[in-house]
C-alpha atoms as a PDB file:
ATOM      1  CA  MET A   1     113.221 120.150  47.744  1.00  0.00           C
ATOM      2  CA  ALA A   2     111.297 121.544  44.772  1.00  0.00           C
ATOM      3  CA  LYS A   3     112.237 118.471  42.711  1.00  0.00           C
ATOM      4  CA  VAL A   4     110.797 116.187  45.396  1.00  0.00           C
ATOM      5  CA  ILE A   5     107.520 118.120  45.431  1.00  0.00           C
ATOM      6  CA  VAL A   6     107.308 117.996  41.623  1.00  0.00           C
ATOM      7  CA  ILE A   7     108.008 114.254  41.571  1.00  0.00           C
ATOM      8  CA  ILE A   8     105.459 113.536  44.307  1.00  0.00           C
ATOM      9  CA  SER A   9     102.879 115.707  42.543  1.00  0.00           C
ATOM     10  CA  LEU A  10     103.525 113.902  39.257  1.00  0.00           C
ATOM     11  CA  VAL A  11     103.193 110.471  40.883  1.00  0.00           C
ATOM     12  CA  LEU A  12      99.943 111.476  42.595  1.00  0.00           C
ATOM     13  CA  PHE A  13      98.586 112.896  39.338  1.00  0.00           C
ATOM     14  CA  VAL A  14      99.433 109.785  37.316  1.00  0.00           C
ATOM     15  CA  THR A  15      98.077 107.343  39.908  1.00  0.00           C
ATOM     16  CA  GLY A  16      94.994 109.497  40.485  1.00  0.00           C
ATOM     17  CA  CYS A  17      94.168 109.378  36.777  1.00  0.00           C
ATOM     18  CA  TRP A  18      94.326 105.577  36.571  1.00  0.00           C
ATOM     19  CA  GLU A  19      91.261 104.115  34.938  1.00  0.00           C
ATOM     20  CA  TYR A  20      90.475 100.490  34.154  1.00  0.00           C
ATOM     21  CA  ARG A  21      89.995  99.771  30.462  1.00  0.00           C
ATOM     22  CA  ASN A  22      89.954  96.948  27.981  1.00  0.00           C
ATOM     23  CA  THR A  23      92.392  96.591  25.110  1.00  0.00           C
ATOM     24  CA  PRO A  24      92.530  93.699  22.636  1.00  0.00           C
ATOM     25  CA  SER A  25      95.370  92.045  24.578  1.00  0.00           C
ATOM     26  CA  ASN A  26      94.534  93.102  28.147  1.00  0.00           C
ATOM     27  CA  HIS A  27      91.036  93.103  29.584  1.00  0.00           C
ATOM     28  CA  GLN A  28      90.660  94.794  32.953  1.00  0.00           C
ATOM     29  CA  ILE A  29      86.845  94.837  32.974  1.00  0.00           C
ATOM     30  CA  ILE A  30      84.341  92.007  32.786  1.00  0.00           C
ATOM     31  CA  ARG A  31      80.716  93.108  32.629  1.00  0.00           C
ATOM     32  CA  ILE A  32      78.273  91.035  34.693  1.00  0.00           C
ATOM     33  CA  CYS A  33      74.659  91.458  33.546  1.00  0.00           C
ATOM     34  CA  ASN A  34      71.678  90.203  35.524  1.00  0.00           C
ATOM     35  CA  HIS A  35      68.793  89.428  33.165  1.00  0.00           C
ATOM     36  CA  SER A  36      66.598  87.997  35.910  1.00  0.00           C
ATOM     37  CA  ASP A  37      63.869  89.562  38.026  1.00  0.00           C
ATOM     38  CA  MET A  38      65.775  89.090  41.305  1.00  0.00           C
ATOM     39  CA  ASP A  39      68.888  90.678  42.760  1.00  0.00           C
ATOM     40  CA  ILE A  40      71.983  88.492  42.697  1.00  0.00           C
ATOM     41  CA  TYR A  41      75.538  88.425  43.963  1.00  0.00           C
ATOM     42  CA  PHE A  42      78.472  87.180  41.887  1.00  0.00           C
ATOM     43  CA  ARG A  43      82.066  86.278  42.542  1.00  0.00           C
ATOM     44  CA  ARG A  44      84.911  84.316  41.051  1.00  0.00           C
ATOM     45  CA  GLY A  45      84.652  80.578  41.474  1.00  0.00           C
ATOM     46  CA  ASN A  46      87.104  77.698  41.494  1.00  0.00           C
ATOM     47  CA  CYS A  47      88.212  75.641  38.480  1.00  0.00           C
ATOM     48  CA  GLU A  48      85.073  73.494  38.570  1.00  0.00           C
ATOM     49  CA  GLY A  49      82.714  76.445  38.947  1.00  0.00           C
ATOM     50  CA  GLY A  50      82.206  76.056  42.691  1.00  0.00           C
ATOM     51  CA  ILE A  51      82.699  78.289  45.718  1.00  0.00           C
ATOM     52  CA  PHE A  52      86.389  78.288  46.642  1.00  0.00           C
ATOM     53  CA  ASP A  53      86.318  79.952  50.066  1.00  0.00           C
ATOM     54  CA  ASN A  54      83.868  81.232  52.631  1.00  0.00           C
ATOM     55  CA  TYR A  55      84.486  84.968  52.266  1.00  0.00           C
ATOM     56  CA  ASP A  56      81.114  86.656  52.881  1.00  0.00           C
ATOM     57  CA  ILE A  57      80.574  88.802  49.769  1.00  0.00           C
ATOM     58  CA  SER A  58      77.318  90.208  51.142  1.00  0.00           C
ATOM     59  CA  VAL A  59      79.342  92.544  53.396  1.00  0.00           C
ATOM     60  CA  THR A  60      80.415  94.472  50.273  1.00  0.00           C
ATOM     61  CA  PRO A  61      77.292  94.701  48.091  1.00  0.00           C
ATOM     62  CA  GLN A  62      78.709  97.733  46.276  1.00  0.00           C
ATOM     63  CA  VAL A  63      81.243  95.347  44.693  1.00  0.00           C
ATOM     64  CA  TYR A  64      79.378  92.057  44.259  1.00  0.00           C
ATOM     65  CA  LYS A  65      75.636  92.784  44.085  1.00  0.00           C
ATOM     66  CA  VAL A  66      73.863  93.162  40.743  1.00  0.00           C
ATOM     67  CA  TYR A  67      70.281  94.363  40.877  1.00  0.00           C
ATOM     68  CA  ALA A  68      67.576  92.838  38.664  1.00  0.00           C
ATOM     69  CA  TYR A  69      67.874  93.815  34.993  1.00  0.00           C
ATOM     70  CA  THR A  70      71.120  95.757  35.491  1.00  0.00           C
ATOM     71  CA  CYS A  71      74.828  95.251  34.850  1.00  0.00           C
ATOM     72  CA  LYS A  72      77.947  95.778  36.941  1.00  0.00           C
ATOM     73  CA  ASN A  73      81.651  95.752  36.093  1.00  0.00           C
ATOM     74  CA  ALA A  74      84.177  93.442  37.743  1.00  0.00           C
ATOM     75  CA  TYR A  75      87.761  94.702  37.700  1.00  0.00           C
ATOM     76  CA  SER A  76      91.224  93.144  37.569  1.00  0.00           C
ATOM     77  CA  PRO A  77      94.608  94.444  36.414  1.00  0.00           C
ATOM     78  CA  SER A  78      94.471  91.681  33.766  1.00  0.00           C
ATOM     79  CA  PHE A  79      91.826  89.003  33.357  1.00  0.00           C
ATOM     80  CA  GLU A  80      94.092  87.302  30.796  1.00  0.00           C
ATOM     81  CA  VAL A  81      96.695  86.829  33.542  1.00  0.00           C
ATOM     82  CA  ASP A  82      93.980  85.664  35.953  1.00  0.00           C
ATOM     83  CA  ILE A  83      92.888  83.050  33.408  1.00  0.00           C
ATOM     84  CA  GLU A  84      96.431  81.924  32.566  1.00  0.00           C
ATOM     85  CA  TYR A  85      97.460  81.506  36.202  1.00  0.00           C
ATOM     86  CA  SER A  86      94.137  80.286  37.597  1.00  0.00           C
ATOM     87  CA  GLY A  87      95.644  77.020  38.774  1.00  0.00           C
ATOM     88  CA  CYS A  88      93.222  75.065  36.581  1.00  0.00           C
ATOM     89  CA  LEU A  89      94.383  72.256  34.293  1.00  0.00           C
ATOM     90  CA  GLU A  90      93.105  74.267  31.341  1.00  0.00           C
ATOM     91  CA  PRO A  91      93.262  78.092  31.444  1.00  0.00           C
ATOM     92  CA  ARG A  92      89.802  79.319  32.386  1.00  0.00           C
ATOM     93  CA  ILE A  93      87.867  81.493  34.804  1.00  0.00           C
ATOM     94  CA  SER A  94      84.570  80.853  36.538  1.00  0.00           C
ATOM     95  CA  TYR A  95      81.898  82.949  38.189  1.00  0.00           C
ATOM     96  CA  VAL A  96      79.302  81.780  40.697  1.00  0.00           C
ATOM     97  CA  PHE A  97      75.935  83.432  41.344  1.00  0.00           C
ATOM     98  CA  PHE A  98      73.864  83.694  44.525  1.00  0.00           C
ATOM     99  CA  ASP A  99      70.319  84.803  45.304  1.00  0.00           C
ATOM    100  CA  ALA A 100      70.671  88.131  47.143  1.00  0.00           C
ATOM    101  CA  LYS A 101      67.769  87.356  49.506  1.00  0.00           C
ATOM    102  CA  ILE A 102      69.455  84.153  50.656  1.00  0.00           C
ATOM    103  CA  LEU A 103      72.889  85.724  50.965  1.00  0.00           C
ATOM    104  CA  GLU A 104      71.518  88.626  52.989  1.00  0.00           C
ATOM    105  CA  THR A 105      69.518  86.466  55.428  1.00  0.00           C
ATOM    106  CA  ILE A 106      71.507  83.246  55.915  1.00  0.00           C
ATOM    107  CA  PRO A 107      75.039  83.264  57.410  1.00  0.00           C
ATOM    108  CA  PHE A 108      77.621  82.741  54.670  1.00  0.00           C
ATOM    109  CA  ASP A 109      79.146  79.795  56.561  1.00  0.00           C
ATOM    110  CA  THR A 110      75.868  77.963  55.927  1.00  0.00           C
ATOM    111  CA  VAL A 111      75.718  79.095  52.288  1.00  0.00           C
ATOM    112  CA  PHE A 112      79.287  77.836  51.824  1.00  0.00           C
ATOM    113  CA  LYS A 113      78.751  74.570  53.701  1.00  0.00           C
ATOM    114  CA  TYR A 114      75.659  73.606  51.684  1.00  0.00           C
ATOM    115  CA  ASN A 115      76.878  75.103  48.383  1.00  0.00           C
ATOM    116  CA  MET A 116      73.758  77.304  48.152  1.00  0.00           C
ATOM    117  CA  MET A 117      74.458  79.036  44.860  1.00  0.00           C
ATOM    118  CA  LEU A 118      72.158  79.659  41.931  1.00  0.00           C
ATOM    119  CA  GLY A 119      74.699  78.358  39.470  1.00  0.00           C
ATOM    120  CA  SER A 120      78.038  79.000  37.864  1.00  0.00           C
ATOM    121  CA  LYS A 121      79.599  79.624  34.487  1.00  0.00           C
ATOM    122  CA  ILE A 122      83.095  78.693  33.321  1.00  0.00           C
ATOM    123  CA  PHE A 123      84.857  80.523  30.465  1.00  0.00           C
ATOM    124  CA  THR A 124      88.017  80.334  28.420  1.00  0.00           C
ATOM    125  CA  LYS A 125      89.603  83.492  27.047  1.00  0.00           C
ATOM    126  CA  GLU A 126      88.244  82.658  23.590  1.00  0.00           C
ATOM    127  CA  GLN A 127      84.711  82.323  24.938  1.00  0.00           C
ATOM    128  CA  LEU A 128      84.976  85.676  26.730  1.00  0.00           C
ATOM    129  CA  ASP A 129      86.309  87.254  23.529  1.00  0.00           C
ATOM    130  CA  SER A 130      83.249  85.980  21.642  1.00  0.00           C
ATOM    131  CA  LEU A 131      80.977  87.391  24.377  1.00  0.00           C
ATOM    132  CA  ASP A 132      82.705  90.790  24.310  1.00  0.00           C
ATOM    133  CA  TRP A 133      83.771  90.131  27.912  1.00  0.00           C
ATOM    134  CA  THR A 134      80.161  90.235  29.136  1.00  0.00           C
ATOM    135  CA  ILE A 135      78.787  87.485  31.377  1.00  0.00           C
ATOM    136  CA  THR A 136      75.021  87.203  31.749  1.00  0.00           C
ATOM    137  CA  TYR A 137      72.911  85.549  34.387  1.00  0.00           C
ATOM    138  CA  PRO A 138      70.941  83.357  33.888  1.00  0.00           C
END
């Protein structure tokens, strides 16, 4: 019984100490910086830099909202894997940006239907490496 308690305690300690970090071969953090004077939302886009589903990101602003002149981290176990297995013809990743005022006042079904985004950016791994894994809007 004591061994079980020790093993469970060890597992809880190790998983509780998990922290995302970037290494040269595995990036788990992409920094999204908003250099505009308005609040924005961001999220991953499809291969062409468009909205790929109608999940309403405004319901979780703590994850997707970036206030004016601030930065926020996006997390993944491995962005390299995300890029490699993105389903795109060429390995890449895209992010789309939305005006927070629009996203917080108009139903996301409408935003999705009319493609009401501020813009998008598409990156290869090499481009992200050159940008130190920081994406800026605009």
